[in-house]
Amino acid sequence: MPSFLIIQTASIGDVILTTPLIEKLHHFYPESRIDFLLKKGNESLFKGHPNLHRIIVWDKTQDKYKNFRNVLHKIRDQKYDHVINIQRFASSGILTVLSGAGQTSGFGKNPFSWFFGKRLKHSIRNGNRHETERNLSLINHLTDDSHYPSRLYPAVRDHAAVSQYKTEQYICIAPASLWYTKQYPREKWIEFIKGIEDNYRIYFLGAQDDVRLCDSIITESKYPNALNLAGRLSFLQTAALMQDARMNFVNDSAPLHLASSVNAPVTAIFCSTIPEFGFGPLSDDAVVIQTNRELSCRPCGLHGLKACPEKHFDCAYTIDKEQLLVRL
């Protein structure tokens, strides 16, 4: 049976949006070997994954080019039949071209895609395809054109680690984002939380860098039954907790895709970006919340920005708490 290597060395959310390829390849080639290359820090997403054979980790934080050579040697040693490159950076293109694989595929935005065996267009602005569909198009020639879900596999130990938090009805809030214009403002989160009836337990989720933000929201909202779990849970533990929540409130960021990966109920707030770019939630119970105002400046870019270019951030401040409260 053929062997496959999937390359996606970008952020957490981007890696999760690549998981449908794993599901589909495993379905069509159940006896094949499927490996995954990602950057250091994201490997725990696939801990215990039943359909992956090997995770190759590229440490970009130190000795980047030495580690690049080591990764290339590992790839060439495996003699893959197929290398599927989701990443559009030059370094991943070099790895693909030099992999020695029988077949290679990737997106035309990669500067080395001219040397790929199969080169496809990646268009975000057409507004009619989810990123998972765009990614899956890279293996349509090996399978078919059907869609497969994003999926991660929290283990029994992950569910056990968060079982103590599931003794009463709860909601999860992931208030942070790496980008200012993707993040619902702190004061708007506080306003929303003050409108929630106190019969819920509220768990705040995020990375270690988000602890201070979560603490400040809890303190100023004065909600009586809130707990800050930011920085305390692994990716898979977070997914396991989100899975059984009454609702998960997130930005257009990684927690949105974590929720989708376990089909958890999710309310996704889109501020400067729009779901038509193809990065919206995929859960069965999923709603996108965005401003009801027509803003000529929205969207202001494909990705988040460090500040609102118009200085008003109306795409966020005009989202009312009632739009969120109806999801409870």
C-alpha atoms as a PDB file:
ATOM      1  CA  MET A   1       0.000   0.000   0.000  1.00  0.00           C
ATOM      2  CA  PRO A   2       1.171   3.576  -0.634  1.00  0.00           C
ATOM      3  CA  SER A   3       2.805   5.787   1.946  1.00  0.00           C
ATOM      4  CA  PHE A   4       1.842   9.430   2.438  1.00  0.00           C
ATOM      5  CA  LEU A   5       3.414  12.474   4.056  1.00  0.00           C
ATOM      6  CA  ILE A   6       1.244  15.527   4.778  1.00  0.00           C
ATOM      7  CA  ILE A   7       3.113  18.788   5.379  1.00  0.00           C
ATOM      8  CA  GLN A   8       1.550  21.629   7.366  1.00  0.00           C
ATOM      9  CA  THR A   9       3.981  23.611   9.517  1.00  0.00           C
ATOM     10  CA  ALA A  10       1.730  26.613  10.210  1.00  0.00           C
ATOM     11  CA  SER A  11      -0.395  27.424  13.262  1.00  0.00           C
ATOM     12  CA  ILE A  12      -2.659  25.226  15.380  1.00  0.00           C
ATOM     13  CA  GLY A  13      -5.823  26.118  13.514  1.00  0.00           C
ATOM     14  CA  ASP A  14      -4.227  25.467  10.125  1.00  0.00           C
ATOM     15  CA  VAL A  15      -3.062  22.039  11.292  1.00  0.00           C
ATOM     16  CA  ILE A  16      -6.554  21.120  12.487  1.00  0.00           C
ATOM     17  CA  LEU A  17      -7.996  22.174   9.130  1.00  0.00           C
ATOM     18  CA  THR A  18      -5.680  19.623   7.495  1.00  0.00           C
ATOM     19  CA  THR A  19      -7.075  16.668   9.462  1.00  0.00           C
ATOM     20  CA  PRO A  20      -9.763  15.818   6.866  1.00  0.00           C
ATOM     21  CA  LEU A  21      -6.931  14.621   4.614  1.00  0.00           C
ATOM     22  CA  ILE A  22      -5.922  12.092   7.264  1.00  0.00           C
ATOM     23  CA  GLU A  23      -9.502  10.857   7.569  1.00  0.00           C
ATOM     24  CA  LYS A  24     -10.002  10.567   3.830  1.00  0.00           C
ATOM     25  CA  LEU A  25      -6.684   8.916   3.024  1.00  0.00           C
ATOM     26  CA  HIS A  26      -7.256   6.397   5.802  1.00  0.00           C
ATOM     27  CA  HIS A  27     -10.717   5.629   4.429  1.00  0.00           C
ATOM     28  CA  PHE A  28      -9.484   5.061   0.878  1.00  0.00           C
ATOM     29  CA  TYR A  29      -6.188   3.417   1.845  1.00  0.00           C
ATOM     30  CA  PRO A  30      -6.811   1.781   5.240  1.00  0.00           C
ATOM     31  CA  GLU A  31      -3.564  -0.201   5.201  1.00  0.00           C
ATOM     32  CA  SER A  32      -1.368   2.693   4.080  1.00  0.00           C
ATOM     33  CA  ARG A  33       1.179   4.582   6.182  1.00  0.00           C
ATOM     34  CA  ILE A  34       0.206   8.204   6.784  1.00  0.00           C
ATOM     35  CA  ASP A  35       2.796  10.533   8.362  1.00  0.00           C
ATOM     36  CA  PHE A  36       2.527  14.223   9.238  1.00  0.00           C
ATOM     37  CA  LEU A  37       5.140  16.988   9.359  1.00  0.00           C
ATOM     38  CA  LEU A  38       4.420  19.949  11.635  1.00  0.00           C
ATOM     39  CA  LYS A  39       6.289  22.537  13.637  1.00  0.00           C
ATOM     40  CA  LYS A  40       7.382  21.966  17.217  1.00  0.00           C
ATOM     41  CA  GLY A  41       4.673  22.852  19.709  1.00  0.00           C
ATOM     42  CA  ASN A  42       1.772  21.405  17.738  1.00  0.00           C
ATOM     43  CA  GLU A  43       2.649  17.722  17.946  1.00  0.00           C
ATOM     44  CA  SER A  44       0.434  17.071  20.978  1.00  0.00           C
ATOM     45  CA  LEU A  45      -2.621  17.601  18.750  1.00  0.00           C
ATOM     46  CA  PHE A  46      -1.975  14.129  17.347  1.00  0.00           C
ATOM     47  CA  LYS A  47      -1.012  12.279  20.506  1.00  0.00           C
ATOM     48  CA  GLY A  48      -2.507   8.810  20.224  1.00  0.00           C
ATOM     49  CA  HIS A  49      -4.059   9.538  16.820  1.00  0.00           C
ATOM     50  CA  PRO A  50      -5.291   6.159  15.493  1.00  0.00           C
ATOM     51  CA  ASN A  51      -4.750   6.904  11.803  1.00  0.00           C
ATOM     52  CA  LEU A  52      -1.261   8.393  11.870  1.00  0.00           C
ATOM     53  CA  HIS A  53       1.888   6.295  11.797  1.00  0.00           C
ATOM     54  CA  ARG A  54       4.538   8.900  12.520  1.00  0.00           C
ATOM     55  CA  ILE A  55       4.800  12.587  13.438  1.00  0.00           C
ATOM     56  CA  ILE A  56       7.847  14.460  12.151  1.00  0.00           C
ATOM     57  CA  VAL A  57       8.546  17.600  14.163  1.00  0.00           C
ATOM     58  CA  TRP A  58      10.445  20.566  12.780  1.00  0.00           C
ATOM     59  CA  ASP A  59      11.864  22.794  15.516  1.00  0.00           C
ATOM     60  CA  LYS A  60      11.993  26.291  14.028  1.00  0.00           C
ATOM     61  CA  THR A  61      12.830  28.034  17.294  1.00  0.00           C
ATOM     62  CA  GLN A  62      16.558  27.282  17.338  1.00  0.00           C
ATOM     63  CA  ASP A  63      19.131  26.004  14.826  1.00  0.00           C
ATOM     64  CA  LYS A  64      16.365  26.374  12.244  1.00  0.00           C
ATOM     65  CA  TYR A  65      18.445  25.460   9.203  1.00  0.00           C
ATOM     66  CA  LYS A  66      20.283  22.609  10.909  1.00  0.00           C
ATOM     67  CA  ASN A  67      16.928  21.194  11.949  1.00  0.00           C
ATOM     68  CA  PHE A  68      15.655  21.762   8.413  1.00  0.00           C
ATOM     69  CA  ARG A  69      18.407  19.518   7.073  1.00  0.00           C
ATOM     70  CA  ASN A  70      17.617  16.895   9.701  1.00  0.00           C
ATOM     71  CA  VAL A  71      13.951  16.940   8.725  1.00  0.00           C
ATOM     72  CA  LEU A  72      14.840  16.600   5.048  1.00  0.00           C
ATOM     73  CA  HIS A  73      16.982  13.537   5.801  1.00  0.00           C
ATOM     74  CA  LYS A  74      14.114  11.969   7.750  1.00  0.00           C
ATOM     75  CA  ILE A  75      11.740  12.555   4.858  1.00  0.00           C
ATOM     76  CA  ARG A  76      14.097  11.146   2.248  1.00  0.00           C
ATOM     77  CA  ASP A  77      14.816   8.080   4.402  1.00  0.00           C
ATOM     78  CA  GLN A  78      11.105   7.191   4.433  1.00  0.00           C
ATOM     79  CA  LYS A  79      10.853   7.043   0.617  1.00  0.00           C
ATOM     80  CA  TYR A  80       7.263   8.260   0.497  1.00  0.00           C
ATOM     81  CA  ASP A  81       5.057   7.490  -2.468  1.00  0.00           C
ATOM     82  CA  HIS A  82       3.108  10.734  -2.042  1.00  0.00           C
ATOM     83  CA  VAL A  83       3.953  14.061  -0.391  1.00  0.00           C
ATOM     84  CA  ILE A  84       1.009  16.454   0.008  1.00  0.00           C
ATOM     85  CA  ASN A  85       2.120  19.968   0.930  1.00  0.00           C
ATOM     86  CA  ILE A  86      -0.588  22.209   2.412  1.00  0.00           C
ATOM     87  CA  GLN A  87       1.874  24.895   3.486  1.00  0.00           C
ATOM     88  CA  ARG A  88       2.588  27.754   1.115  1.00  0.00           C
ATOM     89  CA  PHE A  89       6.010  28.824   2.443  1.00  0.00           C
ATOM     90  CA  ALA A  90       9.195  28.290   0.452  1.00  0.00           C
ATOM     91  CA  SER A  91      10.830  26.004   3.034  1.00  0.00           C
ATOM     92  CA  SER A  92       8.031  23.443   2.789  1.00  0.00           C
ATOM     93  CA  GLY A  93       8.269  23.649  -0.995  1.00  0.00           C
ATOM     94  CA  ILE A  94      11.958  22.772  -0.870  1.00  0.00           C
ATOM     95  CA  LEU A  95      11.202  19.799   1.394  1.00  0.00           C
ATOM     96  CA  THR A  96       8.555  18.629  -1.057  1.00  0.00           C
ATOM     97  CA  VAL A  97      10.740  18.964  -4.131  1.00  0.00           C
ATOM     98  CA  LEU A  98      13.714  17.234  -2.486  1.00  0.00           C
ATOM     99  CA  SER A  99      11.638  14.568  -0.729  1.00  0.00           C
ATOM    100  CA  GLY A 100      12.286  11.921  -3.364  1.00  0.00           C
ATOM    101  CA  ALA A 101       8.585  11.058  -3.385  1.00  0.00           C
ATOM    102  CA  GLY A 102       7.061   9.451  -6.450  1.00  0.00           C
ATOM    103  CA  GLN A 103       4.237  12.009  -6.516  1.00  0.00           C
ATOM    104  CA  THR A 104       4.008  15.482  -5.024  1.00  0.00           C
ATOM    105  CA  SER A 105       1.134  17.960  -4.806  1.00  0.00           C
ATOM    106  CA  GLY A 106       0.563  21.393  -3.357  1.00  0.00           C
ATOM    107  CA  PHE A 107      -0.868  24.848  -3.922  1.00  0.00           C
ATOM    108  CA  GLY A 108       0.337  27.228  -6.587  1.00  0.00           C
ATOM    109  CA  LYS A 109       1.047  29.927  -3.987  1.00  0.00           C
ATOM    110  CA  ASN A 110       4.101  27.976  -2.876  1.00  0.00           C
ATOM    111  CA  PRO A 111       7.084  29.491  -4.724  1.00  0.00           C
ATOM    112  CA  PHE A 112       8.436  26.005  -5.499  1.00  0.00           C
ATOM    113  CA  SER A 113       5.112  24.636  -6.722  1.00  0.00           C
ATOM    114  CA  TRP A 114       6.329  24.746 -10.330  1.00  0.00           C
ATOM    115  CA  PHE A 115       8.307  21.625  -9.477  1.00  0.00           C
ATOM    116  CA  PHE A 116       5.379  19.752  -7.891  1.00  0.00           C
ATOM    117  CA  GLY A 117       3.789  16.901  -9.796  1.00  0.00           C
ATOM    118  CA  LYS A 118       0.341  18.383  -9.151  1.00  0.00           C
ATOM    119  CA  ARG A 119      -0.155  22.097  -8.612  1.00  0.00           C
ATOM    120  CA  LEU A 120      -3.564  23.550  -7.694  1.00  0.00           C
ATOM    121  CA  LYS A 121      -4.896  27.060  -7.313  1.00  0.00           C
ATOM    122  CA  HIS A 122      -5.713  28.195  -3.766  1.00  0.00           C
ATOM    123  CA  SER A 123      -8.361  30.919  -3.882  1.00  0.00           C
ATOM    124  CA  ILE A 124      -9.812  32.426  -0.718  1.00  0.00           C
ATOM    125  CA  ARG A 125     -11.838  35.263  -2.169  1.00  0.00           C
ATOM    126  CA  ASN A 126     -14.197  33.107  -4.226  1.00  0.00           C
ATOM    127  CA  GLY A 127     -16.365  32.825  -1.093  1.00  0.00           C
ATOM    128  CA  ASN A 128     -17.826  29.392  -1.789  1.00  0.00           C
ATOM    129  CA  ARG A 129     -15.356  26.880  -0.352  1.00  0.00           C
ATOM    130  CA  HIS A 130     -14.229  26.071   3.150  1.00  0.00           C
ATOM    131  CA  GLU A 131     -10.488  25.761   3.755  1.00  0.00           C
ATOM    132  CA  THR A 132     -10.961  22.056   4.455  1.00  0.00           C
ATOM    133  CA  GLU A 133     -12.429  21.644   0.959  1.00  0.00           C
ATOM    134  CA  ARG A 134      -9.523  23.521  -0.583  1.00  0.00           C
ATOM    135  CA  ASN A 135      -7.104  21.280   1.295  1.00  0.00           C
ATOM    136  CA  LEU A 136      -8.947  18.117   0.292  1.00  0.00           C
ATOM    137  CA  SER A 137      -8.710  19.116  -3.371  1.00  0.00           C
ATOM    138  CA  LEU A 138      -5.018  18.171  -3.191  1.00  0.00           C
ATOM    139  CA  ILE A 139      -5.939  14.486  -2.870  1.00  0.00           C
ATOM    140  CA  ASN A 140      -9.050  14.340  -5.074  1.00  0.00           C
ATOM    141  CA  HIS A 141      -6.975  12.666  -7.784  1.00  0.00           C
ATOM    142  CA  LEU A 142      -6.122   9.914  -5.278  1.00  0.00           C
ATOM    143  CA  THR A 143      -9.653   9.562  -3.854  1.00  0.00           C
ATOM    144  CA  ASP A 144     -12.780  11.420  -5.005  1.00  0.00           C
ATOM    145  CA  ASP A 145     -14.350  14.847  -4.471  1.00  0.00           C
ATOM    146  CA  SER A 146     -16.338  13.994  -1.311  1.00  0.00           C
ATOM    147  CA  HIS A 147     -15.967  16.008   1.866  1.00  0.00           C
ATOM    148  CA  TYR A 148     -14.571  14.692   5.157  1.00  0.00           C
ATOM    149  CA  PRO A 149     -14.738  16.367   8.600  1.00  0.00           C
ATOM    150  CA  SER A 150     -11.997  17.865  10.714  1.00  0.00           C
ATOM    151  CA  ARG A 151     -11.281  15.435  13.532  1.00  0.00           C
ATOM    152  CA  LEU A 152      -9.029  15.069  16.538  1.00  0.00           C
ATOM    153  CA  TYR A 153      -9.024  12.177  18.988  1.00  0.00           C
ATOM    154  CA  PRO A 154      -8.978  13.088  22.690  1.00  0.00           C
ATOM    155  CA  ALA A 155      -8.067   9.902  24.562  1.00  0.00           C
ATOM    156  CA  VAL A 156      -9.700   8.427  27.638  1.00  0.00           C
ATOM    157  CA  ARG A 157      -7.014  10.114  29.718  1.00  0.00           C
ATOM    158  CA  ASP A 158      -7.912  13.511  28.226  1.00  0.00           C
ATOM    159  CA  HIS A 159     -11.574  13.075  29.085  1.00  0.00           C
ATOM    160  CA  ALA A 160     -10.612  11.856  32.560  1.00  0.00           C
ATOM    161  CA  ALA A 161      -8.445  14.933  33.125  1.00  0.00           C
ATOM    162  CA  VAL A 162     -11.406  17.270  32.602  1.00  0.00           C
ATOM    163  CA  SER A 163     -14.179  15.089  34.052  1.00  0.00           C
ATOM    164  CA  GLN A 164     -14.004  17.038  37.325  1.00  0.00           C
ATOM    165  CA  TYR A 165     -15.247  20.127  35.468  1.00  0.00           C
ATOM    166  CA  LYS A 166     -18.315  18.398  34.038  1.00  0.00           C
ATOM    167  CA  THR A 167     -20.337  17.854  37.199  1.00  0.00           C
ATOM    168  CA  GLU A 168     -22.705  20.731  36.390  1.00  0.00           C
ATOM    169  CA  GLN A 169     -23.955  22.552  33.303  1.00  0.00           C
ATOM    170  CA  TYR A 170     -21.190  24.699  31.848  1.00  0.00           C
ATOM    171  CA  ILE A 171     -20.126  26.912  28.996  1.00  0.00           C
ATOM    172  CA  CYS A 172     -16.626  27.643  27.704  1.00  0.00           C
ATOM    173  CA  ILE A 173     -15.268  31.012  26.625  1.00  0.00           C
ATOM    174  CA  ALA A 174     -11.998  31.449  24.735  1.00  0.00           C
ATOM    175  CA  PRO A 175     -11.707  35.266  24.702  1.00  0.00           C
ATOM    176  CA  ALA A 176      -8.244  35.754  23.170  1.00  0.00           C
ATOM    177  CA  SER A 177      -6.735  35.823  19.703  1.00  0.00           C
ATOM    178  CA  LEU A 178      -3.231  36.405  18.393  1.00  0.00           C
ATOM    179  CA  TRP A 179      -4.616  39.343  16.392  1.00  0.00           C
ATOM    180  CA  TYR A 180      -6.327  42.404  17.857  1.00  0.00           C
ATOM    181  CA  THR A 181      -8.916  42.745  15.089  1.00  0.00           C
ATOM    182  CA  LYS A 182      -9.980  39.104  15.446  1.00  0.00           C
ATOM    183  CA  GLN A 183     -10.595  39.413  19.180  1.00  0.00           C
ATOM    184  CA  TYR A 184     -13.938  40.436  20.645  1.00  0.00           C
ATOM    185  CA  PRO A 185     -13.002  43.283  23.018  1.00  0.00           C
ATOM    186  CA  ARG A 186     -12.481  42.608  26.702  1.00  0.00           C
ATOM    187  CA  GLU A 187     -15.201  45.050  27.768  1.00  0.00           C
ATOM    188  CA  LYS A 188     -17.672  43.397  25.385  1.00  0.00           C
ATOM    189  CA  TRP A 189     -16.927  39.988  26.888  1.00  0.00           C
ATOM    190  CA  ILE A 190     -17.573  41.488  30.331  1.00  0.00           C
ATOM    191  CA  GLU A 191     -20.865  42.990  29.160  1.00  0.00           C
ATOM    192  CA  PHE A 192     -21.933  39.619  27.732  1.00  0.00           C
ATOM    193  CA  ILE A 193     -20.998  37.671  30.862  1.00  0.00           C
ATOM    194  CA  LYS A 194     -22.926  40.087  33.083  1.00  0.00           C
ATOM    195  CA  GLY A 195     -26.028  39.112  31.105  1.00  0.00           C
ATOM    196  CA  ILE A 196     -25.613  35.357  31.704  1.00  0.00           C
ATOM    197  CA  GLU A 197     -27.798  33.766  34.364  1.00  0.00           C
ATOM    198  CA  ASP A 198     -25.754  32.363  37.227  1.00  0.00           C
ATOM    199  CA  ASN A 199     -26.943  28.767  36.753  1.00  0.00           C
ATOM    200  CA  TYR A 200     -23.937  28.021  34.530  1.00  0.00           C
ATOM    201  CA  ARG A 201     -20.358  27.239  35.329  1.00  0.00           C
ATOM    202  CA  ILE A 202     -18.091  29.272  33.009  1.00  0.00           C
ATOM    203  CA  TYR A 203     -14.662  27.972  32.048  1.00  0.00           C
ATOM    204  CA  PHE A 204     -12.181  30.331  30.413  1.00  0.00           C
ATOM    205  CA  LEU A 205      -9.848  28.686  27.918  1.00  0.00           C
ATOM    206  CA  GLY A 206      -6.630  29.730  26.229  1.00  0.00           C
ATOM    207  CA  ALA A 207      -2.866  29.600  26.314  1.00  0.00           C
ATOM    208  CA  GLN A 208      -0.563  30.681  29.132  1.00  0.00           C
ATOM    209  CA  ASP A 209      -0.326  34.134  27.532  1.00  0.00           C
ATOM    210  CA  ASP A 210      -4.100  34.529  27.942  1.00  0.00           C
ATOM    211  CA  VAL A 211      -4.210  34.046  31.719  1.00  0.00           C
ATOM    212  CA  ARG A 212      -4.126  37.759  32.533  1.00  0.00           C
ATOM    213  CA  LEU A 213      -6.901  38.604  30.083  1.00  0.00           C
ATOM    214  CA  CYS A 214      -9.133  35.830  31.439  1.00  0.00           C
ATOM    215  CA  ASP A 215      -8.454  36.883  35.030  1.00  0.00           C
ATOM    216  CA  SER A 216      -9.404  40.475  34.282  1.00  0.00           C
ATOM    217  CA  ILE A 217     -12.667  39.447  32.594  1.00  0.00           C
ATOM    218  CA  ILE A 218     -13.601  37.204  35.532  1.00  0.00           C
ATOM    219  CA  THR A 219     -12.770  39.925  38.075  1.00  0.00           C
ATOM    220  CA  GLU A 220     -14.638  42.737  36.361  1.00  0.00           C
ATOM    221  CA  SER A 221     -17.681  40.690  35.316  1.00  0.00           C
ATOM    222  CA  LYS A 222     -18.097  39.450  38.911  1.00  0.00           C
ATOM    223  CA  TYR A 223     -19.645  36.244  37.631  1.00  0.00           C
ATOM    224  CA  PRO A 224     -20.052  33.999  40.701  1.00  0.00           C
ATOM    225  CA  ASN A 225     -19.134  30.661  39.155  1.00  0.00           C
ATOM    226  CA  ALA A 226     -16.181  31.173  36.774  1.00  0.00           C
ATOM    227  CA  LEU A 227     -12.828  29.406  36.573  1.00  0.00           C
ATOM    228  CA  ASN A 228      -9.755  30.356  34.581  1.00  0.00           C
ATOM    229  CA  LEU A 229      -8.310  27.256  32.880  1.00  0.00           C
ATOM    230  CA  ALA A 230      -6.087  29.140  30.438  1.00  0.00           C
ATOM    231  CA  GLY A 231      -2.653  27.543  30.270  1.00  0.00           C
ATOM    232  CA  ARG A 232      -3.736  24.567  32.359  1.00  0.00           C
ATOM    233  CA  LEU A 233      -5.075  22.173  29.715  1.00  0.00           C
ATOM    234  CA  SER A 234      -3.505  20.488  26.712  1.00  0.00           C
ATOM    235  CA  PHE A 235      -5.039  20.879  23.257  1.00  0.00           C
ATOM    236  CA  LEU A 236      -6.793  17.527  23.485  1.00  0.00           C
ATOM    237  CA  GLN A 237      -7.991  18.144  27.040  1.00  0.00           C
ATOM    238  CA  THR A 238      -9.420  21.460  25.893  1.00  0.00           C
ATOM    239  CA  ALA A 239     -11.225  19.712  23.036  1.00  0.00           C
ATOM    240  CA  ALA A 240     -12.583  17.096  25.449  1.00  0.00           C
ATOM    241  CA  LEU A 241     -13.968  19.838  27.703  1.00  0.00           C
ATOM    242  CA  MET A 242     -15.496  21.775  24.801  1.00  0.00           C
ATOM    243  CA  GLN A 243     -17.180  18.628  23.496  1.00  0.00           C
ATOM    244  CA  ASP A 244     -19.722  18.437  26.322  1.00  0.00           C
ATOM    245  CA  ALA A 245     -20.226  22.170  26.938  1.00  0.00           C
ATOM    246  CA  ARG A 246     -23.675  23.716  26.674  1.00  0.00           C
ATOM    247  CA  MET A 247     -21.994  26.203  24.355  1.00  0.00           C
ATOM    248  CA  ASN A 248     -18.495  27.363  23.392  1.00  0.00           C
ATOM    249  CA  PHE A 249     -17.960  31.048  22.651  1.00  0.00           C
ATOM    250  CA  VAL A 250     -14.846  31.739  20.589  1.00  0.00           C
ATOM    251  CA  ASN A 251     -13.251  34.206  18.183  1.00  0.00           C
ATOM    252  CA  ASP A 252     -12.137  33.454  14.639  1.00  0.00           C
ATOM    253  CA  SER A 253      -9.118  31.607  16.025  1.00  0.00           C
ATOM    254  CA  ALA A 254      -7.734  28.192  16.968  1.00  0.00           C
ATOM    255  CA  PRO A 255     -10.375  27.306  19.643  1.00  0.00           C
ATOM    256  CA  LEU A 256     -13.021  27.555  16.911  1.00  0.00           C
ATOM    257  CA  HIS A 257     -11.292  24.751  15.012  1.00  0.00           C
ATOM    258  CA  LEU A 258     -10.723  22.735  18.188  1.00  0.00           C
ATOM    259  CA  ALA A 259     -14.488  22.822  18.747  1.00  0.00           C
ATOM    260  CA  SER A 260     -15.149  21.713  15.160  1.00  0.00           C
ATOM    261  CA  SER A 261     -12.695  18.818  15.509  1.00  0.00           C
ATOM    262  CA  VAL A 262     -14.924  17.156  18.131  1.00  0.00           C
ATOM    263  CA  ASN A 263     -18.251  18.454  16.745  1.00  0.00           C
ATOM    264  CA  ALA A 264     -18.778  20.614  19.833  1.00  0.00           C
ATOM    265  CA  PRO A 265     -21.470  23.313  19.879  1.00  0.00           C
ATOM    266  CA  VAL A 266     -19.883  26.624  19.006  1.00  0.00           C
ATOM    267  CA  THR A 267     -20.701  30.290  18.635  1.00  0.00           C
ATOM    268  CA  ALA A 268     -17.963  31.970  16.610  1.00  0.00           C
ATOM    269  CA  ILE A 269     -17.529  35.743  16.716  1.00  0.00           C
ATOM    270  CA  PHE A 270     -16.127  37.260  13.523  1.00  0.00           C
ATOM    271  CA  CYS A 271     -14.945  40.831  13.891  1.00  0.00           C
ATOM    272  CA  SER A 272     -12.688  42.116  11.084  1.00  0.00           C
ATOM    273  CA  THR A 273     -12.658  38.853   9.115  1.00  0.00           C
ATOM    274  CA  ILE A 274     -15.623  37.171   7.448  1.00  0.00           C
ATOM    275  CA  PRO A 275     -16.681  33.501   7.282  1.00  0.00           C
ATOM    276  CA  GLU A 276     -16.779  33.705   3.476  1.00  0.00           C
ATOM    277  CA  PHE A 277     -12.989  33.413   3.547  1.00  0.00           C
ATOM    278  CA  GLY A 278     -13.586  29.749   4.379  1.00  0.00           C
ATOM    279  CA  PHE A 279     -12.502  29.441   8.005  1.00  0.00           C
ATOM    280  CA  GLY A 280     -15.879  29.224   9.713  1.00  0.00           C
ATOM    281  CA  PRO A 281     -17.061  26.574  12.187  1.00  0.00           C
ATOM    282  CA  LEU A 282     -17.991  23.084  10.983  1.00  0.00           C
ATOM    283  CA  SER A 283     -19.867  21.643  13.976  1.00  0.00           C
ATOM    284  CA  ASP A 284     -23.477  20.559  13.546  1.00  0.00           C
ATOM    285  CA  ASP A 285     -24.503  23.169  16.131  1.00  0.00           C
ATOM    286  CA  ALA A 286     -22.559  26.183  14.926  1.00  0.00           C
ATOM    287  CA  VAL A 287     -23.474  29.833  14.464  1.00  0.00           C
ATOM    288  CA  VAL A 288     -21.380  32.763  13.287  1.00  0.00           C
ATOM    289  CA  ILE A 289     -21.960  36.069  15.094  1.00  0.00           C
ATOM    290  CA  GLN A 290     -20.970  39.276  13.332  1.00  0.00           C
ATOM    291  CA  THR A 291     -21.996  42.902  13.144  1.00  0.00           C
ATOM    292  CA  ASN A 292     -25.379  43.742  11.633  1.00  0.00           C
ATOM    293  CA  ARG A 293     -24.002  47.006  10.287  1.00  0.00           C
ATOM    294  CA  GLU A 294     -22.827  47.493   6.730  1.00  0.00           C
ATOM    295  CA  LEU A 295     -19.214  48.590   7.121  1.00  0.00           C
ATOM    296  CA  SER A 296     -17.329  49.585   3.990  1.00  0.00           C
ATOM    297  CA  CYS A 297     -14.031  48.781   5.763  1.00  0.00           C
ATOM    298  CA  ARG A 298     -14.951  45.166   6.557  1.00  0.00           C
ATOM    299  CA  PRO A 299     -13.161  42.911   5.904  1.00  0.00           C
ATOM    300  CA  CYS A 300      -9.951  44.924   6.232  1.00  0.00           C
ATOM    301  CA  GLY A 301      -7.767  41.968   5.229  1.00  0.00           C
ATOM    302  CA  LEU A 302      -7.570  38.207   4.891  1.00  0.00           C
ATOM    303  CA  HIS A 303      -6.038  37.877   8.351  1.00  0.00           C
ATOM    304  CA  GLY A 304      -6.221  39.753  11.621  1.00  0.00           C
ATOM    305  CA  LEU A 305      -4.356  43.015  12.177  1.00  0.00           C
ATOM    306  CA  LYS A 306      -2.580  44.463  15.202  1.00  0.00           C
ATOM    307  CA  ALA A 307      -4.910  47.473  15.234  1.00  0.00           C
ATOM    308  CA  CYS A 308      -8.065  48.723  13.527  1.00  0.00           C
ATOM    309  CA  PRO A 309      -6.967  50.710  10.444  1.00  0.00           C
ATOM    310  CA  GLU A 310      -9.970  53.049  10.873  1.00  0.00           C
ATOM    311  CA  LYS A 311      -9.340  53.547  14.618  1.00  0.00           C
ATOM    312  CA  HIS A 312     -12.945  52.712  15.594  1.00  0.00           C
ATOM    313  CA  PHE A 313     -13.132  48.863  15.537  1.00  0.00           C
ATOM    314  CA  ASP A 314     -16.856  49.050  14.808  1.00  0.00           C
ATOM    315  CA  CYS A 315     -16.854  45.518  13.398  1.00  0.00           C
ATOM    316  CA  ALA A 316     -16.451  44.342  17.006  1.00  0.00           C
ATOM    317  CA  TYR A 317     -18.070  47.056  19.111  1.00  0.00           C
ATOM    318  CA  THR A 318     -21.341  46.898  17.167  1.00  0.00           C
ATOM    319  CA  ILE A 319     -21.866  43.228  18.018  1.00  0.00           C
ATOM    320  CA  ASP A 320     -24.452  43.255  20.813  1.00  0.00           C
ATOM    321  CA  LYS A 321     -24.453  40.923  23.786  1.00  0.00           C
ATOM    322  CA  GLU A 322     -27.992  39.810  22.857  1.00  0.00           C
ATOM    323  CA  GLN A 323     -26.581  38.189  19.720  1.00  0.00           C
ATOM    324  CA  LEU A 324     -24.533  35.916  22.005  1.00  0.00           C
ATOM    325  CA  LEU A 325     -27.079  35.459  24.800  1.00  0.00           C
ATOM    326  CA  VAL A 326     -29.644  33.869  22.472  1.00  0.00           C
ATOM    327  CA  ARG A 327     -27.211  30.965  22.071  1.00  0.00           C
ATOM    328  CA  LEU A 328     -27.740  29.892  25.687  1.00  0.00           C
END
